[in-house]
Amino acid sequence: EGGRVRLDCQTSLSGADLSFTWLSPNRGFITPNGFNDSLISMFFNGTLEVHAATVNDSGLYLCTAV
């Protein structure tokens, strides 16, 4: 608990115009432009970073790339 967790979005797609979205068990949909949370960062390469992760952050995270 309290550590930093990074989740990479693995995809066979390529290109500069890729768009990533994460579905979080307790935060709903996370997109680079539409999400503002000091405890989570999403990078344009699709990586999701949870700062100071707790047991409440556990669960299934789903990433989609379009």
N, C-alpha and C. Protein backbone atom coordinates (compact mmCIF):
# COMPACT_ATOMS: atom_id res chain seq x y z
N GLU A 1 0.83 -1.18 0.00
CA GLU A 1 0.00 0.00 0.00
C GLU A 1 0.87 1.24 0.00
N GLY A 2 0.38 2.26 -0.69
CA GLY A 2 1.09 3.52 -0.72
C GLY A 2 2.10 3.64 -1.83
N GLY A 3 2.33 2.55 -2.58
CA GLY A 3 3.30 2.58 -3.66
C GLY A 3 2.69 3.07 -4.96
N ARG A 4 3.56 3.22 -5.94
CA ARG A 4 3.15 3.65 -7.27
C ARG A 4 3.00 2.43 -8.15
N VAL A 5 1.90 2.37 -8.91
CA VAL A 5 1.62 1.24 -9.79
C VAL A 5 1.46 1.77 -11.21
N ARG A 6 2.18 1.13 -12.16
CA ARG A 6 2.07 1.51 -13.57
C ARG A 6 1.48 0.35 -14.35
N LEU A 7 0.48 0.66 -15.17
CA LEU A 7 -0.16 -0.33 -16.03
C LEU A 7 0.05 0.10 -17.48
N ASP A 8 0.62 -0.79 -18.28
CA ASP A 8 0.84 -0.50 -19.70
C ASP A 8 -0.30 -1.07 -20.51
N CYS A 9 -0.71 -0.33 -21.52
CA CYS A 9 -1.75 -0.79 -22.44
C CYS A 9 -1.05 -1.45 -23.63
N GLN A 10 -1.18 -2.77 -23.73
CA GLN A 10 -0.54 -3.53 -24.81
C GLN A 10 -1.48 -3.61 -26.01
N THR A 11 -0.98 -3.25 -27.19
CA THR A 11 -1.79 -3.30 -28.40
C THR A 11 -0.92 -3.62 -29.60
N SER A 12 -1.52 -4.24 -30.60
CA SER A 12 -0.80 -4.50 -31.85
C SER A 12 -0.97 -3.34 -32.82
N LEU A 13 -1.80 -2.36 -32.47
CA LEU A 13 -2.01 -1.19 -33.31
C LEU A 13 -0.80 -0.26 -33.21
N SER A 14 -0.61 0.53 -34.23
CA SER A 14 0.47 1.52 -34.18
C SER A 14 0.01 2.79 -34.88
N GLY A 15 0.70 3.85 -34.60
CA GLY A 15 0.38 5.13 -35.22
C GLY A 15 0.30 6.24 -34.20
N ALA A 16 0.58 7.43 -34.66
CA ALA A 16 0.60 8.58 -33.77
C ALA A 16 -0.79 9.02 -33.35
N ASP A 17 -1.81 8.58 -34.07
CA ASP A 17 -3.17 9.03 -33.78
C ASP A 17 -3.96 8.04 -32.92
N LEU A 18 -3.27 7.12 -32.25
CA LEU A 18 -3.95 6.17 -31.37
C LEU A 18 -4.58 6.91 -30.18
N SER A 19 -5.74 6.44 -29.78
CA SER A 19 -6.42 6.99 -28.62
C SER A 19 -6.64 5.86 -27.61
N PHE A 20 -6.31 6.11 -26.35
CA PHE A 20 -6.42 5.10 -25.30
C PHE A 20 -7.48 5.51 -24.28
N THR A 21 -8.18 4.51 -23.78
CA THR A 21 -9.16 4.70 -22.72
C THR A 21 -9.02 3.55 -21.74
N TRP A 22 -9.04 3.86 -20.46
CA TRP A 22 -9.02 2.84 -19.42
C TRP A 22 -10.36 2.82 -18.71
N LEU A 23 -10.78 1.63 -18.31
CA LEU A 23 -11.94 1.48 -17.45
C LEU A 23 -11.44 0.99 -16.10
N SER A 24 -11.67 1.79 -15.08
CA SER A 24 -11.20 1.50 -13.73
C SER A 24 -12.36 0.99 -12.88
N PRO A 25 -12.12 0.05 -11.97
CA PRO A 25 -13.21 -0.49 -11.15
C PRO A 25 -13.88 0.54 -10.25
N ASN A 26 -13.16 1.58 -9.84
CA ASN A 26 -13.78 2.55 -8.94
C ASN A 26 -13.74 3.99 -9.43
N ARG A 27 -13.15 4.23 -10.61
CA ARG A 27 -13.11 5.59 -11.15
C ARG A 27 -13.82 5.72 -12.50
N GLY A 28 -14.32 4.63 -13.02
CA GLY A 28 -15.01 4.68 -14.31
C GLY A 28 -14.03 4.84 -15.46
N PHE A 29 -14.47 5.53 -16.51
CA PHE A 29 -13.63 5.71 -17.69
C PHE A 29 -12.58 6.77 -17.47
N ILE A 30 -11.36 6.47 -17.91
CA ILE A 30 -10.23 7.38 -17.79
C ILE A 30 -9.67 7.62 -19.18
N THR A 31 -9.62 8.88 -19.60
CA THR A 31 -9.03 9.25 -20.89
C THR A 31 -7.99 10.34 -20.63
N PRO A 32 -7.03 10.51 -21.53
CA PRO A 32 -5.98 11.51 -21.28
C PRO A 32 -6.53 12.93 -21.13
N ASN A 33 -7.55 13.28 -21.90
CA ASN A 33 -8.05 14.65 -21.89
C ASN A 33 -9.23 14.87 -20.97
N GLY A 34 -9.94 13.81 -20.61
CA GLY A 34 -11.18 13.99 -19.87
C GLY A 34 -11.13 13.54 -18.42
N PHE A 35 -9.93 13.41 -17.86
CA PHE A 35 -9.84 12.90 -16.49
C PHE A 35 -8.89 13.77 -15.69
N ASN A 36 -9.32 14.20 -14.53
CA ASN A 36 -8.48 15.03 -13.68
C ASN A 36 -8.51 14.46 -12.27
N ASP A 37 -7.44 13.82 -11.89
CA ASP A 37 -7.35 13.20 -10.57
C ASP A 37 -5.89 13.24 -10.15
N SER A 38 -5.62 13.80 -9.00
CA SER A 38 -4.23 13.92 -8.55
C SER A 38 -3.63 12.57 -8.18
N LEU A 39 -4.46 11.53 -8.04
CA LEU A 39 -3.96 10.21 -7.67
C LEU A 39 -3.70 9.31 -8.86
N ILE A 40 -4.10 9.74 -10.06
CA ILE A 40 -3.91 8.92 -11.26
C ILE A 40 -3.37 9.80 -12.38
N SER A 41 -2.41 9.27 -13.12
CA SER A 41 -1.92 9.93 -14.33
C SER A 41 -2.08 8.98 -15.49
N MET A 42 -2.49 9.52 -16.63
CA MET A 42 -2.55 8.73 -17.85
C MET A 42 -1.69 9.41 -18.89
N PHE A 43 -0.80 8.64 -19.49
CA PHE A 43 0.13 9.18 -20.47
C PHE A 43 -0.39 8.91 -21.88
N PHE A 44 0.07 9.68 -22.83
CA PHE A 44 -0.45 9.56 -24.19
C PHE A 44 -0.05 8.26 -24.88
N ASN A 45 0.90 7.51 -24.31
CA ASN A 45 1.23 6.19 -24.86
C ASN A 45 0.33 5.10 -24.29
N GLY A 46 -0.64 5.49 -23.46
CA GLY A 46 -1.60 4.55 -22.90
C GLY A 46 -1.28 4.06 -21.51
N THR A 47 -0.11 4.37 -20.99
CA THR A 47 0.27 3.93 -19.65
C THR A 47 -0.56 4.65 -18.60
N LEU A 48 -1.04 3.89 -17.63
CA LEU A 48 -1.80 4.44 -16.52
C LEU A 48 -0.95 4.30 -15.26
N GLU A 49 -0.86 5.35 -14.48
CA GLU A 49 -0.07 5.32 -13.25
C GLU A 49 -0.95 5.71 -12.07
N VAL A 50 -0.99 4.84 -11.07
CA VAL A 50 -1.73 5.11 -9.84
C VAL A 50 -0.71 5.49 -8.78
N HIS A 51 -0.86 6.69 -8.24
CA HIS A 51 0.05 7.18 -7.20
C HIS A 51 -0.51 6.77 -5.83
N ALA A 52 0.34 6.37 -4.94
CA ALA A 52 -0.07 6.00 -3.58
C ALA A 52 -1.23 5.02 -3.60
N ALA A 53 -1.04 3.92 -4.33
CA ALA A 53 -2.10 2.92 -4.49
C ALA A 53 -2.49 2.30 -3.15
N THR A 54 -3.78 2.04 -3.01
CA THR A 54 -4.31 1.38 -1.82
C THR A 54 -5.13 0.18 -2.25
N VAL A 55 -5.63 -0.56 -1.29
CA VAL A 55 -6.45 -1.73 -1.59
C VAL A 55 -7.72 -1.31 -2.35
N ASN A 56 -8.17 -0.09 -2.18
CA ASN A 56 -9.34 0.41 -2.89
C ASN A 56 -9.09 0.54 -4.39
N ASP A 57 -7.83 0.57 -4.80
CA ASP A 57 -7.49 0.67 -6.22
C ASP A 57 -7.40 -0.70 -6.89
N SER A 58 -7.58 -1.77 -6.13
CA SER A 58 -7.46 -3.11 -6.70
C SER A 58 -8.68 -3.44 -7.55
N GLY A 59 -8.49 -4.36 -8.48
CA GLY A 59 -9.58 -4.79 -9.34
C GLY A 59 -9.11 -4.95 -10.77
N LEU A 60 -10.05 -5.17 -11.66
CA LEU A 60 -9.76 -5.37 -13.07
C LEU A 60 -9.76 -4.04 -13.80
N TYR A 61 -8.65 -3.72 -14.45
CA TYR A 61 -8.52 -2.52 -15.26
C TYR A 61 -8.51 -2.96 -16.72
N LEU A 62 -9.31 -2.30 -17.54
CA LEU A 62 -9.41 -2.65 -18.95
C LEU A 62 -8.98 -1.47 -19.80
N CYS A 63 -8.06 -1.73 -20.73
CA CYS A 63 -7.58 -0.69 -21.63
C CYS A 63 -8.06 -0.98 -23.04
N THR A 64 -8.50 0.06 -23.74
CA THR A 64 -8.84 -0.06 -25.15
C THR A 64 -8.02 0.96 -25.93
N ALA A 65 -7.60 0.56 -27.12
CA ALA A 65 -6.85 1.44 -28.01
C ALA A 65 -7.59 1.49 -29.34
N VAL A 66 -7.79 2.69 -29.84
CA VAL A 66 -8.50 2.87 -31.11
C VAL A 66 -7.68 3.77 -32.00
